[in-house]
Amino acid sequence: MKKIIALVLIAGLFTSCTNSNSQTQEEGVTLSGTVLNSPVGIITIEGLTRESSFPIDTIEVNDDNTFSHVFTGEAGFYRVNFFNTQNGIMIIDQDDLVINFDGSNAAGNIVPEGSSEIETIQEFSTTVNTEFAAREQELTDAYNAANQEGDVKKADKVRDDYMELVAEKQEFSAALIRKYDVTMATYQLVSFLDTNSHLELKDSLAQLLNAKYPGRFYIEDLVSNLEKAKVTAVGSLAPEISLPNPDGEIVTLSSLRGQVVLIDFWAQWCKPCRRENPNVVAAYNNYKDKGFTVFGVSLDRTKENWLKAIEEDGLTWTHVSDLKYFNSVAAQEYGVQSIPFSILLDREGKIIAKNLRGPALEKALEDHFSQEAGKM
C-alpha cells in the first residue's frame, strides 16, 4: 500500500504573490527523498500561521519508499511533519530539495539538501562562530572565574570587554549580511542583528523582503516591529508617557523636560532588573546634582510588589505604573518586549542612547555632561 505525504499549499494565507519572480510560481520546485523505517501514519508538509500550522495537499510515496513531487505554491517557510514524530521548518523557494526521513533516527533532525537559502544561513553562522566563538568563551570563563573569586572589579572589566566584543560581532555580522542577495534566508539573518544599532539596515532589508515576498505574515510582522522600533530610535523625540505614580497622581514624562532622563522599564519580579538597580542608584546619586533623574516605569501587576521593590532597592526617583504587566500602555508604545529596558533622553526629551547597563550608563552620563560643559 502506498504511503501519503500531505503537502501544504498556503493559499489564502500568503496572498498577492503575482509579482514574485521565484521559480516556485513559474516552474515549480521538486521535493524528493526517501522514507525509511516509517511508523504508521501520514507525512505532512504544513503551512504556517501566527498561531499554528495546517496541512493542505498530498504527495504519494512510492512502493520503493521514494517520493517526488513538484511544488507550485508560493515561496516561503513550511513545516515538514513526518508521522507526527519528526518535523522541520524549511524554506521552499527556488531550489529543488531532497528530504530524507529515517524513523530510527531518534534525534529527528530533518534538514533538506539542496537549499541555497539554508546553505547561506549555515555559511553565515560558521563564519561568525569561527571569528568570535573562542573569544566569547574565553571571556565567559574569565567572568565566571572572577565572580567565583569575588573580584568585582575584574568581573566588571571582563563584562565591559565582552560588550565590546558583542559590538564588534554585530558590525562583522552586518557587513557579512550586506554581501548576500536578498532571499528568504535574509529573513533569518536579520534576527542576528541588534535592532538598536542596526535599525536602518534591518529596515531596508525588511522592505526589500516585503516587496519580493508580499503577503507573508512573518515578513509583515518584521516590518511592523521595525516601524515600532523607529518610534524609539536614537535622535527621535521620546513618546509621551502619562501614568499614575504610587499615590495615584498622573505624572507625565514631559514634566521632567529640562533634565537628562533615564526611562527605566523594570519590575519587582524581574531578577535582571533588580540586579541592575544598584547601578542605576549609583548613577543617580553621582549625577542628580547635574540634572540627571530617572523615570521608572514598572511592569508589575500589583501595587504591593511594586512599592516593596522600590523600598528594598532604595529607588528614590519618580515612579509610575498602570500595573498591567507587558500590556502597559507605555510598554506597548515603546515596543518593550523584555526588561530591563531603558532609554536615555537629553534635556529636550530626545533619545540619545538605549539599554545602557552597569558602567555603560555611567560612561554615557559622564560623556554627555562633559559635552554640555564644553558648550557652556
Protein backbone atom coordinates (compact mmCIF):
# COMPACT_ATOMS: atom_id res chain seq x y z
CA MET A 1 0.00 0.00 0.00
CA LYS A 2 1.33 3.43 -0.90
CA LYS A 3 2.04 5.93 1.89
CA ILE A 4 0.83 9.52 1.58
CA ILE A 5 2.64 12.80 2.17
CA ALA A 6 0.42 15.86 2.66
CA LEU A 7 1.95 18.94 1.07
CA VAL A 8 0.99 22.35 2.23
CA LEU A 9 0.00 25.00 -0.27
CA ILE A 10 -0.57 28.07 1.84
CA ALA A 11 -3.17 29.56 -0.49
CA GLY A 12 -5.25 32.05 1.33
CA LEU A 13 -2.52 32.59 3.93
CA PHE A 14 0.09 34.11 1.65
CA THR A 15 -1.60 36.36 -0.90
CA SER A 16 -0.79 38.67 -3.80
CA CYS A 17 2.37 36.93 -4.99
CA THR A 18 1.97 37.56 -8.70
CA ASN A 19 4.93 39.94 -8.70
CA SER A 20 7.37 37.34 -7.37
CA ASN A 21 9.93 36.04 -9.85
CA SER A 22 10.75 32.92 -7.86
CA GLN A 23 10.90 29.52 -9.52
CA THR A 24 8.22 28.37 -7.11
CA GLN A 25 5.46 30.14 -9.04
CA GLU A 26 6.72 29.76 -12.61
CA GLU A 27 8.27 26.31 -12.86
CA GLY A 28 7.78 24.61 -9.57
CA VAL A 29 10.23 23.11 -7.11
CA THR A 30 10.75 19.38 -6.92
CA LEU A 31 10.60 17.82 -3.46
CA SER A 32 12.03 14.32 -3.41
CA GLY A 33 13.52 11.85 -0.99
CA THR A 34 13.23 8.53 0.80
CA VAL A 35 11.19 7.29 3.74
CA LEU A 36 12.82 4.56 5.84
CA ASN A 37 11.70 2.76 8.99
CA SER A 38 8.46 4.69 8.97
CA PRO A 39 5.81 4.26 11.66
CA VAL A 40 2.11 4.07 10.89
CA GLY A 41 0.56 7.36 9.88
CA ILE A 42 1.00 10.11 7.31
CA ILE A 43 3.58 12.73 6.47
CA THR A 44 2.57 16.33 6.07
CA ILE A 45 4.16 19.49 4.81
CA GLU A 46 2.31 22.25 6.57
CA GLY A 47 1.68 25.91 6.09
CA LEU A 48 2.33 28.25 8.98
CA THR A 49 0.11 30.80 10.66
CA ARG A 50 1.00 33.02 13.62
CA GLU A 51 -0.56 30.51 15.98
CA SER A 52 -0.23 27.09 14.38
CA SER A 53 0.31 25.04 11.21
CA PHE A 54 -2.07 23.21 8.91
CA PRO A 55 -1.92 20.54 6.13
CA ILE A 56 -3.44 21.13 2.71
CA ASP A 57 -2.28 18.81 -0.11
CA THR A 58 -0.86 15.29 -0.51
CA ILE A 59 2.01 13.51 -2.26
CA GLU A 60 2.31 9.82 -2.84
CA VAL A 61 5.26 7.85 -1.57
CA ASN A 62 6.17 5.07 -3.96
CA ASP A 63 6.33 1.40 -3.07
CA ASP A 64 10.13 1.62 -3.04
CA ASN A 65 9.85 4.28 -0.28
CA THR A 66 10.81 7.18 -2.54
CA PHE A 67 8.75 10.22 -3.43
CA SER A 68 8.94 13.08 -5.89
CA HIS A 69 6.52 15.97 -6.14
CA VAL A 70 6.58 19.31 -7.96
CA PHE A 71 5.64 22.11 -5.61
CA THR A 72 3.96 25.04 -7.39
CA GLY A 73 2.85 27.07 -4.39
CA GLU A 74 4.33 30.26 -3.08
CA ALA A 75 7.87 30.68 -1.84
CA GLY A 76 8.09 30.69 1.92
CA PHE A 77 8.62 28.81 5.16
CA TYR A 78 6.95 25.43 5.57
CA ARG A 79 6.98 22.64 8.13
CA VAL A 80 7.54 19.03 7.09
CA ASN A 81 5.92 16.69 9.60
CA PHE A 82 6.81 13.01 9.34
CA PHE A 83 4.18 10.84 11.03
CA ASN A 84 3.91 13.33 13.91
CA THR A 85 7.26 12.03 15.16
CA GLN A 86 9.77 14.30 13.45
CA ASN A 87 9.42 17.65 11.75
CA GLY A 88 11.48 20.52 10.46
CA ILE A 89 10.92 24.08 9.29
CA MET A 90 12.35 24.68 5.85
CA ILE A 91 12.44 27.25 3.07
CA ILE A 92 10.85 26.36 -0.25
CA ASP A 93 11.78 28.94 -2.84
CA GLN A 94 13.95 28.38 -5.94
CA ASP A 95 15.85 25.15 -5.34
CA ASP A 96 14.84 21.52 -5.68
CA LEU A 97 15.04 19.85 -2.27
CA VAL A 98 15.92 16.35 -1.16
CA ILE A 99 14.23 15.45 2.13
CA ASN A 100 15.05 12.10 3.70
CA PHE A 101 13.39 10.52 6.73
CA ASP A 102 14.64 7.66 8.89
CA GLY A 103 12.31 6.55 11.66
CA SER A 104 15.23 5.03 13.55
CA ASN A 105 16.85 8.44 13.95
CA ALA A 106 15.74 9.47 17.44
CA ALA A 107 17.28 12.93 17.07
CA GLY A 108 14.71 13.78 14.42
CA ASN A 109 16.82 16.50 12.82
CA ILE A 110 15.34 16.88 9.35
CA VAL A 111 17.39 19.21 7.16
CA PRO A 112 16.70 19.32 3.42
CA GLU A 113 19.58 19.06 0.98
CA GLY A 114 19.93 21.42 -1.96
CA SER A 115 18.62 24.62 -0.36
CA SER A 116 20.84 27.59 -1.21
CA GLU A 117 18.99 29.59 1.46
CA ILE A 118 19.90 27.12 4.19
CA GLU A 119 23.46 26.99 2.86
CA THR A 120 23.62 30.79 3.20
CA ILE A 121 22.40 30.64 6.80
CA GLN A 122 24.88 27.88 7.63
CA GLU A 123 27.73 29.75 5.95
CA PHE A 124 26.90 32.90 7.91
CA SER A 125 26.74 31.01 11.20
CA THR A 126 30.01 29.17 10.56
CA THR A 127 31.84 32.35 9.54
CA VAL A 128 30.69 34.31 12.59
CA ASN A 129 31.37 31.46 15.01
CA THR A 130 34.84 30.91 13.59
CA GLU A 131 35.61 34.57 14.19
CA PHE A 132 34.05 35.01 17.64
CA ALA A 133 33.17 31.77 19.43
CA ALA A 134 36.57 31.18 21.02
CA ARG A 135 36.90 34.76 22.26
CA GLU A 136 33.36 34.70 23.64
CA GLN A 137 34.07 31.50 25.54
CA GLU A 138 37.34 32.90 26.89
CA LEU A 139 35.62 35.99 28.27
CA THR A 140 32.75 33.92 29.66
CA ASP A 141 35.21 31.71 31.52
CA ALA A 142 37.09 34.75 32.81
CA TYR A 143 33.88 36.37 34.02
CA ASN A 144 32.79 33.22 35.85
CA ALA A 145 36.23 32.88 37.44
CA ALA A 146 36.19 36.50 38.61
CA ASN A 147 32.78 36.02 40.18
CA GLN A 148 33.92 32.87 41.95
CA GLU A 149 36.92 34.77 43.31
CA GLY A 150 34.69 37.63 44.42
CA ASP A 151 36.71 40.08 42.33
CA VAL A 152 34.02 42.59 41.40
CA LYS A 153 36.33 45.00 39.56
CA LYS A 154 37.75 42.22 37.42
CA ALA A 155 34.27 40.90 36.66
CA ASP A 156 33.14 44.38 35.62
CA LYS A 157 36.20 44.77 33.37
CA VAL A 158 35.55 41.41 31.72
CA ARG A 159 31.89 42.34 31.23
CA ASP A 160 32.94 45.58 29.53
CA ASP A 161 35.32 43.62 27.28
CA TYR A 162 32.53 41.21 26.44
CA MET A 163 30.15 44.02 25.48
CA GLU A 164 32.86 45.46 23.22
CA LEU A 165 33.18 42.05 21.60
CA VAL A 166 29.40 41.88 21.13
CA ALA A 167 29.50 45.26 19.36
CA GLU A 168 32.37 44.04 17.15
CA LYS A 169 30.42 40.87 16.36
CA GLN A 170 27.41 42.94 15.37
CA GLU A 171 29.45 45.05 12.95
CA PHE A 172 31.04 41.94 11.49
CA SER A 173 27.63 40.28 11.06
CA ALA A 174 26.13 43.37 9.43
CA ALA A 175 28.97 43.61 6.92
CA LEU A 176 28.59 39.92 6.08
CA ILE A 177 24.82 40.14 5.63
CA ARG A 178 25.20 43.07 3.24
CA LYS A 179 27.13 40.77 0.88
CA TYR A 180 24.28 38.28 0.47
CA ASP A 181 21.43 38.53 -2.03
CA VAL A 182 18.00 39.19 -0.53
CA THR A 183 16.24 35.83 -0.29
CA MET A 184 14.11 34.01 2.25
CA ALA A 185 17.37 33.38 4.12
CA THR A 186 17.60 37.12 4.73
CA TYR A 187 14.57 36.91 7.00
CA GLN A 188 16.51 34.56 9.26
CA LEU A 189 19.74 36.55 9.06
CA VAL A 190 18.23 39.85 10.18
CA SER A 191 17.33 38.23 13.51
CA PHE A 192 21.06 38.19 14.30
CA LEU A 193 21.25 41.98 14.11
CA ASP A 194 20.60 44.21 17.11
CA THR A 195 17.72 46.50 16.24
CA ASN A 196 19.04 49.44 18.22
CA SER A 197 22.42 49.58 16.48
CA HIS A 198 21.34 48.37 13.02
CA LEU A 199 17.79 49.64 12.65
CA GLU A 200 18.43 51.24 9.25
CA LEU A 201 19.92 48.06 7.77
CA LYS A 202 17.23 45.80 9.22
CA ASP A 203 14.51 48.10 7.98
CA SER A 204 15.93 48.29 4.45
CA LEU A 205 16.20 44.50 4.26
CA ALA A 206 12.69 44.07 5.63
CA GLN A 207 11.31 46.43 2.99
CA LEU A 208 13.11 44.51 0.24
CA LEU A 209 11.78 41.22 1.59
CA ASN A 210 8.25 42.59 1.75
CA ALA A 211 8.44 43.76 -1.85
CA LYS A 212 9.87 40.46 -3.09
CA TYR A 213 7.62 38.20 -0.99
CA PRO A 214 4.38 40.15 -0.42
CA GLY A 215 1.68 38.79 1.87
CA ARG A 216 3.91 36.66 4.12
CA PHE A 217 2.70 37.34 7.65
CA TYR A 218 6.12 36.85 9.26
CA ILE A 219 7.72 39.42 6.97
CA GLU A 220 4.82 41.81 7.56
CA ASP A 221 5.32 41.32 11.31
CA LEU A 222 9.02 42.10 10.90
CA VAL A 223 8.20 45.31 9.04
CA SER A 224 5.62 46.23 11.69
CA ASN A 225 8.03 45.60 14.58
CA LEU A 226 10.69 47.72 12.94
CA GLU A 227 8.19 50.54 12.43
CA LYS A 228 7.58 50.42 16.18
CA ALA A 229 11.32 50.44 16.80
CA LYS A 230 11.64 53.68 14.83
CA VAL A 231 9.50 55.35 17.47
CA THR A 232 12.35 54.92 19.95
CA ALA A 233 15.28 55.29 17.57
CA VAL A 234 18.23 57.39 18.72
CA GLY A 235 17.57 61.00 17.73
CA SER A 236 13.79 60.70 17.98
CA LEU A 237 11.68 62.62 20.45
CA ALA A 238 10.58 60.18 23.15
CA PRO A 239 6.83 59.47 23.07
CA GLU A 240 4.83 60.85 25.96
CA ILE A 241 4.17 58.65 28.97
CA SER A 242 1.30 59.57 31.27
CA LEU A 243 0.73 57.13 34.12
CA PRO A 244 -0.16 57.19 37.84
CA ASN A 245 2.52 57.32 40.49
CA PRO A 246 2.23 55.31 43.75
CA ASP A 247 -0.13 57.97 45.16
CA GLY A 248 -2.44 57.63 42.16
CA GLU A 249 -1.48 61.01 40.69
CA ILE A 250 -0.87 61.18 36.94
CA VAL A 251 2.74 62.04 36.14
CA THR A 252 3.95 62.74 32.60
CA LEU A 253 7.37 62.13 31.15
CA SER A 254 7.32 65.61 29.65
CA SER A 255 7.07 67.09 33.14
CA LEU A 256 10.76 66.18 33.53
CA ARG A 257 11.77 68.14 30.42
CA GLY A 258 14.90 70.16 31.15
CA GLN A 259 16.62 67.24 32.87
CA VAL A 260 18.60 64.34 31.47
CA VAL A 261 16.22 61.42 31.99
CA LEU A 262 16.64 57.67 32.06
CA ILE A 263 13.34 55.95 31.28
CA ASP A 264 13.71 52.65 33.11
CA PHE A 265 11.24 49.85 32.38
CA TRP A 266 11.52 47.30 35.19
CA ALA A 267 9.51 45.18 37.66
CA GLN A 268 9.74 43.65 41.12
CA TRP A 269 9.60 40.13 39.67
CA CYS A 270 12.41 40.77 37.14
CA LYS A 271 15.67 39.45 38.61
CA PRO A 272 17.95 41.08 35.98
CA CYS A 273 16.20 44.39 36.72
CA ARG A 274 16.82 44.01 40.43
CA ARG A 275 20.48 43.17 39.83
CA GLU A 276 20.81 46.28 37.67
CA ASN A 277 19.10 48.61 40.16
CA PRO A 278 22.25 49.24 42.25
CA ASN A 279 24.00 50.52 39.11
CA VAL A 280 21.10 52.87 38.38
CA VAL A 281 21.11 54.06 42.00
CA ALA A 282 24.83 54.77 41.81
CA ALA A 283 24.44 56.72 38.56
CA TYR A 284 21.52 58.67 40.01
CA ASN A 285 23.46 59.63 43.13
CA ASN A 286 26.53 60.63 41.10
CA TYR A 287 24.72 62.83 38.57
CA LYS A 288 21.45 64.02 40.10
CA ASP A 289 23.03 67.32 41.10
CA LYS A 290 23.96 67.91 37.46
CA GLY A 291 20.38 67.46 36.27
CA PHE A 292 20.04 63.69 35.88
CA THR A 293 16.95 61.81 37.01
CA VAL A 294 15.17 58.51 36.45
CA PHE A 295 11.61 57.89 35.33
CA GLY A 296 10.81 54.37 36.49
CA VAL A 297 8.03 52.56 34.62
CA SER A 298 7.04 49.38 36.42
CA LEU A 299 5.53 46.39 34.64
CA ASP A 300 4.33 44.89 37.90
CA ARG A 301 0.83 43.53 38.37
CA THR A 302 0.27 44.55 42.00
CA LYS A 303 0.92 47.79 43.82
CA GLU A 304 2.16 45.88 46.84
CA ASN A 305 5.03 44.24 44.98
CA TRP A 306 5.84 47.45 43.15
CA LEU A 307 6.17 49.52 46.32
CA LYS A 308 8.04 46.78 48.15
CA ALA A 309 10.75 46.68 45.46
CA ILE A 310 11.05 50.47 45.41
CA GLU A 311 11.73 50.46 49.15
CA GLU A 312 14.02 47.42 49.17
CA ASP A 313 16.21 48.74 46.36
CA GLY A 314 16.26 52.36 47.53
CA LEU A 315 14.85 53.82 44.33
CA THR A 316 14.24 57.45 45.25
CA TRP A 317 13.24 58.84 41.88
CA THR A 318 9.93 59.26 40.03
CA HIS A 319 7.88 56.08 39.60
CA VAL A 320 4.77 55.35 37.52
CA SER A 321 2.79 52.27 36.56
CA ASP A 322 -0.64 51.16 35.36
CA LEU A 323 0.08 47.68 36.81
CA LYS A 324 -0.73 45.98 33.52
CA TYR A 325 2.43 43.89 33.06
CA PHE A 326 3.57 43.97 29.40
CA ASN A 327 0.12 45.26 28.45
CA SER A 328 1.09 48.59 29.97
CA VAL A 329 0.26 51.39 27.57
CA ALA A 330 3.80 52.69 27.94
CA ALA A 331 5.33 49.29 27.20
CA GLN A 332 3.13 48.98 24.12
CA GLU A 333 4.04 52.46 22.89
CA TYR A 334 7.75 51.86 23.36
CA GLY A 335 7.69 48.33 21.93
CA VAL A 336 9.04 46.80 25.14
CA GLN A 337 9.27 43.01 24.76
CA SER A 338 11.68 42.28 27.60
CA ILE A 339 13.06 44.03 30.66
CA PRO A 340 15.21 45.65 31.86
CA PHE A 341 14.74 48.13 29.03
CA SER A 342 15.97 51.70 29.30
CA ILE A 343 16.21 54.82 27.19
CA LEU A 344 18.35 57.88 27.94
CA LEU A 345 16.98 61.30 26.99
CA ASP A 346 18.64 64.68 26.72
CA ARG A 347 17.15 67.79 28.28
CA GLU A 348 14.91 68.32 25.24
CA GLY A 349 13.43 64.83 25.50
CA LYS A 350 15.34 63.40 22.54
CA ILE A 351 16.65 59.84 22.71
CA ILE A 352 20.45 59.72 22.93
CA ALA A 353 21.07 56.10 23.95
CA LYS A 354 19.27 52.83 24.71
CA ASN A 355 19.74 49.90 27.07
CA LEU A 356 22.78 51.20 28.93
CA ARG A 357 23.74 48.95 31.83
CA GLY A 358 26.37 48.99 34.52
CA PRO A 359 29.46 51.06 33.63
CA ALA A 360 27.98 51.88 30.22
CA LEU A 361 25.36 54.12 31.86
CA GLU A 362 27.99 55.90 33.97
CA LYS A 363 30.18 56.47 30.92
CA ALA A 364 27.29 57.76 28.80
CA LEU A 365 26.35 60.22 31.52
CA GLU A 366 29.95 61.32 32.01
CA ASP A 367 30.35 61.92 28.28
CA HIS A 368 27.04 63.74 27.98
CA PHE A 369 27.62 66.12 30.87
CA SER A 370 31.18 66.75 29.68
CA GLN A 371 29.79 67.73 26.27
CA GLU A 372 27.28 70.00 27.93
CA ALA A 373 30.03 71.66 29.95
CA GLY A 374 32.10 72.16 26.79
CA LYS A 375 29.25 74.05 25.15
CA MET A 376 28.85 76.49 28.02
